[in-house]
Each structure stands twice: as structure tokens, then as C-alpha cells.
Amino acid sequence: MRKITLLLLIACAFSFAQNTVTVGVDAAPYLGYMNVTFTPADGGGAAFDQGWGVPDLVCEVGATSVTLKPNVNGYANSLGGNNGDRAFWTNSPDGGVTAGPDGNKIMEAISYIEPGSSFNGNDLTFTGEVTSNTINARYSAQFFIKALDPMAGYSDIFAGSKTIDLPSSGVFSISATGAELTTGLIVQYGFVITGLNANPADDWGSVVIEPVVLSTDKFELSQVKAFPNPTNNVWNIKTNNQNIESVVLYDILGKQVLSTKPNTSNVEINSENLSNGLYFAKVRTNSGEANLRLVKN
């Protein structure tokens, strides 16, 4: 079976009016939506569209990765259904008495993050790096930012919004300005897999995406360490003899939860009053800035 592995990490660029999200681990919860259309041979047009469970897309969210595959559930479930089910989901030669060898509906499976109102009015960049792309030619794998207007039937009004093909390799990126993501709009970013619903007996290739390291001012992340990480109570942040001017801690939605100005090369960050989960620390030193991913157990 072809497999699209997407490592999802949500990280903030930590400057006012700017959010940067990249691919990695422990992302905010994924949501799912499916658009189903008839094939051109069956006249095209919409069959139905609705929210789907992420596993049903098929999207497998693990502790360290997210795996996307062409949808096989429609085909697979129809095998245990009635003649109408098999006729609807497969290219059955006999009205559904037996299943055909392939699917017969175009599936647009959308796996996305909806980060909430804290992203409204701020610039947003969504980026990652494709390290492998062997997806079968009959499928497309794409990424997007959307700005949905609930007052206009949830139409997408982000002028730069479009699904962009993931490259065969290398870094991808799309950006929206705060003026395009104004208050009241629903911000989304994520991935789309589009193509015929798949026979699970076949292999359809994969796309593997990994995080882009988010740091600034060319300050090497290797010069800043955090330990223990994960922690139950305290993170120690230490540099290679660089003076730490400030540390600002954010949650996965970009909300500031802690700030300190230690002016030392080693600082303790107390996490006892924080909820368990993923955080990001913007560490400013006299040599530049670095962003750290921190986990509270």
C-alpha cells in the first residue's frame, strides 16, 4: 500500500504579527473533510461532501508522525455491503453483484489544522521539507492555507489560497498576510490527497515530509540546549557561554505563557504550573535567537 508520511510539528515564529508552522511532531489535533465526486465517465458532479474522521481519510496520526494514504475505506467497506454499495464505490461489471478491481469515485481527502482565532490578523507561513515523493501519477498530494468566511457559506476568500503541489523533494512554503486572515475568518492549513478511491490490494506510493528547522539570525540551534526534555517540572536551558538575554515560552497556538530575562548562560524554566503538552521557547542571546521545542509531561 502506498504511504504518505507527514511529520507534523506546529511551531511559532514568536514575533508579533507572525506565525510560522512547520512539519514535525505532536501537532495540534488534525481534522478531516472529504469531498466525493463522480468520475467523468459517470457524468462528473458532486456525490457528497462532509466532515470525516481523520482515520477514515485515511490519515494515521501517531506519536511521532502523521501518515496519509489514498482513501481505501469506501472500496473496502463496500465489499461487505450490498449490491448498491459495491456499485457505488467500485467499477463493478454487474451492478454490484461482484466488486470491480478499482474504485469509481474521485476522493478529495483534506487533513488540516484549524489553529483558532489567535491566528487571525497575524501573518502566517506554512512550510516543510519533502524528503521522498513516490506518489502514483493518478493521485495528487498538495498543501494549502485557507481563510474561510462563515458569513459567505464558508467560501475561501484568501486571495493567495490554493492547493499547491508538494515538490518531488526539498522545502515547500506558502504564506498569508494578517490582512488576509482578518478577524471572523476561519484559518486552516494542511494537506490534500486527491484521486480515485483505491483498491487496498494495490500499492500507490508515498510522500514523506519532515520539519524545517525554525531559527533566526543564523544563530545555530546546536549552541542552545534544553534538558531534561521532556520534563515533569523544570527545563534547564544552557548555551555555549552565550549570555541569554530573554526566554519567551509559547503554547502550540502561539499564546505566550511565560517570559524571563535571566542575563546568564544557564536558566531554569519552571513548568509546574503549565499543562502537559508541547511548548516552544524563543531564546534570545547576544549572538542571535533560536527556537526550542519543549515537552511537559
Protein backbone atom coordinates (compact mmCIF):
# COMPACT_ATOMS: atom_id res chain seq x y z
CA MET A 1 0.00 0.00 0.00
CA ARG A 2 1.32 3.40 -0.86
CA LYS A 3 2.00 5.56 2.09
CA ILE A 4 2.34 9.31 2.58
CA THR A 5 4.12 10.03 5.84
CA LEU A 6 3.85 13.55 7.14
CA LEU A 7 5.64 14.50 10.33
CA LEU A 8 3.67 17.36 11.74
CA LEU A 9 5.11 19.96 14.16
CA ILE A 10 3.40 23.20 14.98
CA ALA A 11 5.90 25.91 15.90
CA CYS A 12 5.54 29.68 16.15
CA ALA A 13 7.94 32.25 14.78
CA PHE A 14 7.36 34.07 18.07
CA SER A 15 7.37 37.61 16.83
CA PHE A 16 4.32 39.82 17.00
CA ALA A 17 2.02 39.52 13.96
CA GLN A 18 3.80 36.45 12.62
CA ASN A 19 3.06 32.73 12.97
CA THR A 20 5.18 30.11 11.27
CA VAL A 21 4.07 26.48 11.25
CA THR A 22 6.22 23.65 10.00
CA VAL A 23 6.03 19.91 9.69
CA GLY A 24 7.08 17.84 12.72
CA VAL A 25 5.79 16.02 15.77
CA ASP A 26 3.00 16.50 18.35
CA ALA A 27 0.91 18.87 16.25
CA ALA A 28 -2.39 20.39 17.23
CA PRO A 29 -5.25 17.95 16.53
CA TYR A 30 -5.93 17.21 12.88
CA LEU A 31 -9.42 17.49 11.43
CA GLY A 32 -10.76 15.77 8.34
CA TYR A 33 -13.09 16.60 5.45
CA MET A 34 -13.98 14.59 2.36
CA ASN A 35 -15.32 15.80 -0.98
CA VAL A 36 -16.61 12.96 -3.17
CA THR A 37 -17.44 13.43 -6.86
CA PHE A 38 -18.50 11.14 -9.68
CA THR A 39 -15.88 10.26 -12.29
CA PRO A 40 -16.07 11.95 -15.71
CA ALA A 41 -17.24 8.62 -17.13
CA ASP A 42 -20.25 8.82 -14.78
CA GLY A 43 -21.01 12.42 -15.67
CA GLY A 44 -18.90 14.14 -13.02
CA GLY A 45 -20.56 16.35 -10.43
CA ALA A 46 -20.73 16.18 -6.66
CA ALA A 47 -21.76 12.98 -4.90
CA PHE A 48 -21.48 14.31 -1.32
CA ASP A 49 -19.15 16.21 1.00
CA GLN A 50 -18.91 16.06 4.78
CA GLY A 51 -16.60 16.01 7.74
CA TRP A 52 -14.85 12.67 8.09
CA GLY A 53 -12.87 11.18 10.92
CA VAL A 54 -9.18 11.62 10.28
CA PRO A 55 -8.54 7.84 10.28
CA ASP A 56 -11.26 7.44 7.63
CA LEU A 57 -9.48 9.70 5.11
CA VAL A 58 -7.08 7.59 5.57
CA CYS A 59 -4.88 9.63 7.95
CA GLU A 60 -2.97 7.88 10.73
CA VAL A 61 -1.78 10.26 13.45
CA GLY A 62 0.93 8.72 15.61
CA ALA A 63 3.08 9.93 18.46
CA THR A 64 5.89 10.97 16.11
CA SER A 65 4.32 11.09 12.64
CA VAL A 66 1.21 11.51 10.56
CA THR A 67 0.67 9.05 7.71
CA LEU A 68 -1.65 9.90 4.81
CA LYS A 69 -2.78 7.36 2.24
CA PRO A 70 -5.19 7.37 -0.71
CA ASN A 71 -8.66 6.58 0.56
CA VAL A 72 -9.41 2.86 0.61
CA ASN A 73 -12.27 2.79 3.11
CA GLY A 74 -15.06 3.34 0.59
CA TYR A 75 -13.86 0.45 -1.55
CA ALA A 76 -13.02 -1.84 1.40
CA ASN A 77 -16.30 -1.23 3.26
CA SER A 78 -18.36 -1.84 0.13
CA LEU A 79 -17.04 -5.40 -0.07
CA GLY A 80 -19.10 -6.29 3.00
CA GLY A 81 -22.13 -4.27 1.91
CA ASN A 82 -24.97 -4.80 -0.54
CA ASN A 83 -25.00 -4.62 -4.33
CA GLY A 84 -25.70 -0.88 -4.23
CA ASP A 85 -22.65 -0.28 -2.08
CA ARG A 86 -20.38 -2.19 -4.42
CA ALA A 87 -21.89 -0.47 -7.46
CA PHE A 88 -21.39 2.95 -5.86
CA TRP A 89 -17.80 2.50 -4.67
CA THR A 90 -16.27 0.13 -7.26
CA ASN A 91 -16.28 -0.24 -11.03
CA SER A 92 -18.43 -3.36 -10.72
CA PRO A 93 -19.13 -5.09 -14.04
CA ASP A 94 -22.52 -6.47 -12.92
CA GLY A 95 -24.35 -3.79 -10.94
CA GLY A 96 -22.59 -4.58 -7.69
CA VAL A 97 -23.06 -8.33 -7.55
CA THR A 98 -19.26 -8.50 -7.58
CA ALA A 99 -16.81 -5.71 -6.84
CA GLY A 100 -14.76 -4.28 -9.66
CA PRO A 101 -10.97 -4.20 -9.49
CA ASP A 102 -10.87 -0.46 -8.86
CA GLY A 103 -12.79 2.39 -7.28
CA ASN A 104 -15.11 4.71 -9.19
CA LYS A 105 -15.36 7.93 -7.15
CA ILE A 106 -12.97 10.87 -7.02
CA MET A 107 -11.97 11.48 -3.41
CA GLU A 108 -10.57 14.79 -2.15
CA ALA A 109 -9.31 13.95 1.33
CA ILE A 110 -8.42 17.06 3.34
CA SER A 111 -6.41 16.74 6.56
CA TYR A 112 -6.00 20.11 8.24
CA ILE A 113 -5.18 22.12 11.34
CA GLU A 114 -7.60 24.84 12.47
CA PRO A 115 -5.49 26.84 14.95
CA GLY A 116 -8.18 29.22 16.18
CA SER A 117 -8.70 32.95 16.50
CA SER A 118 -5.19 33.65 17.80
CA PHE A 119 -4.01 33.30 14.19
CA ASN A 120 -6.42 35.97 12.89
CA GLY A 121 -4.75 39.25 12.00
CA ASN A 122 -1.25 37.74 12.03
CA ASP A 123 0.96 36.79 9.12
CA LEU A 124 1.14 33.03 8.61
CA THR A 125 3.71 30.85 6.86
CA PHE A 126 3.24 27.11 6.43
CA THR A 127 6.39 25.24 5.46
CA GLY A 128 8.07 21.84 5.47
CA GLU A 129 10.52 19.70 3.52
CA VAL A 130 9.71 16.80 1.20
CA THR A 131 12.34 14.11 1.61
CA SER A 132 10.66 11.48 -0.61
CA ASN A 133 7.85 11.62 -3.17
CA THR A 134 6.88 8.42 -4.97
CA ILE A 135 3.14 9.04 -5.18
CA ASN A 136 1.37 7.29 -8.06
CA ALA A 137 0.70 9.60 -11.01
CA ARG A 138 -3.08 9.26 -10.69
CA TYR A 139 -3.01 10.98 -7.29
CA SER A 140 -2.02 14.49 -6.30
CA ALA A 141 -0.53 15.48 -2.94
CA GLN A 142 -0.83 19.16 -2.11
CA PHE A 143 -0.64 21.70 0.72
CA PHE A 144 -2.58 24.88 1.49
CA ILE A 145 -3.56 27.83 3.67
CA LYS A 146 -7.25 28.76 3.65
CA ALA A 147 -9.29 31.65 5.06
CA LEU A 148 -12.95 30.57 5.21
CA ASP A 149 -15.72 33.15 5.59
CA PRO A 150 -18.63 31.69 7.62
CA MET A 151 -20.79 34.66 6.58
CA ALA A 152 -20.43 33.70 2.91
CA GLY A 153 -21.12 29.98 3.02
CA TYR A 154 -17.59 29.16 4.21
CA SER A 155 -16.14 30.29 0.92
CA ASP A 156 -12.38 30.66 0.81
CA ILE A 157 -11.55 34.35 0.42
CA PHE A 158 -7.76 34.25 0.94
CA ALA A 159 -6.53 35.77 -2.32
CA GLY A 160 -3.43 33.58 -2.34
CA SER A 161 -5.27 30.46 -1.24
CA LYS A 162 -4.80 27.49 -3.47
CA THR A 163 -3.73 23.92 -3.22
CA ILE A 164 -0.09 23.78 -4.30
CA ASP A 165 1.54 20.55 -5.40
CA LEU A 166 4.11 19.21 -2.99
CA PRO A 167 7.51 19.10 -4.71
CA SER A 168 9.35 15.91 -5.56
CA SER A 169 11.90 16.95 -2.93
CA GLY A 170 13.00 19.97 -0.94
CA VAL A 171 11.37 22.76 1.04
CA PHE A 172 7.85 23.99 0.33
CA SER A 173 6.19 27.13 1.69
CA ILE A 174 3.04 29.22 1.42
CA SER A 175 2.27 32.49 3.23
CA ALA A 176 -0.73 34.67 4.04
CA THR A 177 -0.71 38.17 5.50
CA GLY A 178 -2.55 39.27 8.62
CA ALA A 179 -4.73 41.46 6.39
CA GLU A 180 -5.85 38.31 4.53
CA LEU A 181 -6.59 36.41 7.76
CA THR A 182 -8.79 39.02 9.42
CA THR A 183 -10.98 38.56 12.49
CA GLY A 184 -14.02 36.39 11.81
CA LEU A 185 -12.37 34.19 9.20
CA ILE A 186 -11.59 30.54 9.89
CA VAL A 187 -7.89 29.88 9.30
CA GLN A 188 -6.85 26.44 8.13
CA TYR A 189 -3.66 24.88 6.80
CA GLY A 190 -2.88 21.33 5.84
CA PHE A 191 -2.73 18.74 3.08
CA VAL A 192 -4.96 17.30 0.34
CA ILE A 193 -4.80 13.90 -1.34
CA THR A 194 -6.98 13.70 -4.48
CA GLY A 195 -7.70 10.78 -6.77
CA LEU A 196 -9.81 7.69 -7.37
CA ASN A 197 -10.80 5.75 -4.28
CA ALA A 198 -8.23 3.00 -4.05
CA ASN A 199 -8.31 -0.77 -4.03
CA PRO A 200 -6.41 -1.61 -0.82
CA ALA A 201 -4.76 -4.54 -2.58
CA ASP A 202 -2.64 -2.14 -4.66
CA ASP A 203 0.44 -0.04 -3.84
CA TRP A 204 0.17 3.71 -4.54
CA GLY A 205 3.50 5.25 -3.49
CA SER A 206 4.24 7.83 -0.80
CA VAL A 207 5.27 11.37 0.07
CA VAL A 208 7.46 11.88 3.13
CA ILE A 209 7.60 15.36 4.68
CA GLU A 210 9.82 16.47 7.54
CA PRO A 211 10.15 19.69 9.55
CA VAL A 212 12.06 22.78 8.53
CA VAL A 213 14.18 24.00 11.46
CA LEU A 214 12.82 27.36 12.60
CA SER A 215 15.57 29.67 13.82
CA THR A 216 16.59 33.26 13.22
CA ASP A 217 19.66 35.47 12.86
CA LYS A 218 21.76 32.48 11.72
CA PHE A 219 22.25 31.52 15.35
CA GLU A 220 22.89 27.79 15.42
CA LEU A 221 20.41 25.73 17.40
CA SER A 222 23.26 23.45 18.50
CA GLN A 223 24.52 26.28 20.69
CA VAL A 224 21.37 26.14 22.85
CA LYS A 225 20.33 23.03 24.79
CA ALA A 226 17.30 22.24 26.96
CA PHE A 227 17.29 19.38 29.47
CA PRO A 228 15.61 17.33 30.70
CA ASN A 229 13.24 17.34 27.76
CA PRO A 230 10.53 16.11 28.26
CA THR A 231 10.33 17.31 31.86
CA ASN A 232 7.91 16.99 34.74
CA ASN A 233 8.80 20.29 36.42
CA VAL A 234 11.90 22.22 35.26
CA TRP A 235 13.72 22.74 31.96
CA ASN A 236 17.35 23.84 32.13
CA ILE A 237 18.28 25.97 29.12
CA LYS A 238 22.01 26.34 28.57
CA THR A 239 24.21 27.95 25.90
CA ASN A 240 27.85 27.60 24.93
CA ASN A 241 28.91 30.61 27.02
CA GLN A 242 26.41 32.90 25.27
CA ASN A 243 24.52 35.30 27.53
CA ILE A 244 20.76 34.51 27.50
CA GLU A 245 19.06 37.88 27.34
CA SER A 246 15.49 36.55 27.33
CA VAL A 247 13.39 33.41 27.10
CA VAL A 248 9.74 33.58 25.98
CA LEU A 249 7.61 30.44 26.13
CA TYR A 250 4.58 29.84 23.87
CA ASP A 251 1.99 27.09 23.64
CA ILE A 252 1.13 25.38 20.33
CA LEU A 253 -1.38 28.11 19.40
CA GLY A 254 1.18 30.86 19.81
CA LYS A 255 -0.07 32.16 23.17
CA GLN A 256 2.69 33.49 25.43
CA VAL A 257 2.70 31.60 28.74
CA LEU A 258 6.00 32.69 30.30
CA SER A 259 8.74 35.30 29.88
CA THR A 260 12.03 35.86 31.69
CA LYS A 261 15.23 37.90 31.25
CA PRO A 262 17.95 35.94 33.07
CA ASN A 263 21.13 37.55 31.62
CA THR A 264 23.10 34.35 32.23
CA SER A 265 24.26 31.38 30.18
CA ASN A 266 22.12 28.89 32.13
CA VAL A 267 18.50 29.39 33.20
CA GLU A 268 15.80 27.22 34.81
CA ILE A 269 12.25 27.36 33.43
CA ASN A 270 9.65 26.11 35.91
CA SER A 271 6.85 24.20 34.18
CA GLU A 272 4.91 23.07 37.25
CA ASN A 273 2.01 25.46 36.54
CA LEU A 274 1.81 24.51 32.86
CA SER A 275 -0.47 21.90 31.33
CA ASN A 276 1.10 18.81 29.82
CA GLY A 277 1.91 19.15 26.15
CA LEU A 278 4.11 20.85 23.58
CA TYR A 279 5.69 24.32 24.02
CA PHE A 280 8.13 26.48 22.09
CA ALA A 281 10.79 28.69 23.61
CA LYS A 282 12.23 31.70 21.82
CA VAL A 283 15.71 32.11 23.26
CA ARG A 284 17.45 35.43 22.59
CA THR A 285 21.18 35.67 23.24
CA ASN A 286 23.84 38.24 22.47
CA SER A 287 24.61 36.17 19.32
CA GLY A 288 21.07 35.88 17.97
CA GLU A 289 17.91 33.85 18.50
CA ALA A 290 16.97 30.18 18.47
CA ASN A 291 13.63 28.38 18.88
CA LEU A 292 13.42 25.25 21.04
CA ARG A 293 10.73 22.60 21.13
CA LEU A 294 9.91 21.67 24.75
CA VAL A 295 7.62 18.95 26.10
CA LYS A 296 5.92 18.94 29.53
CA ASN A 297 4.88 15.54 30.88
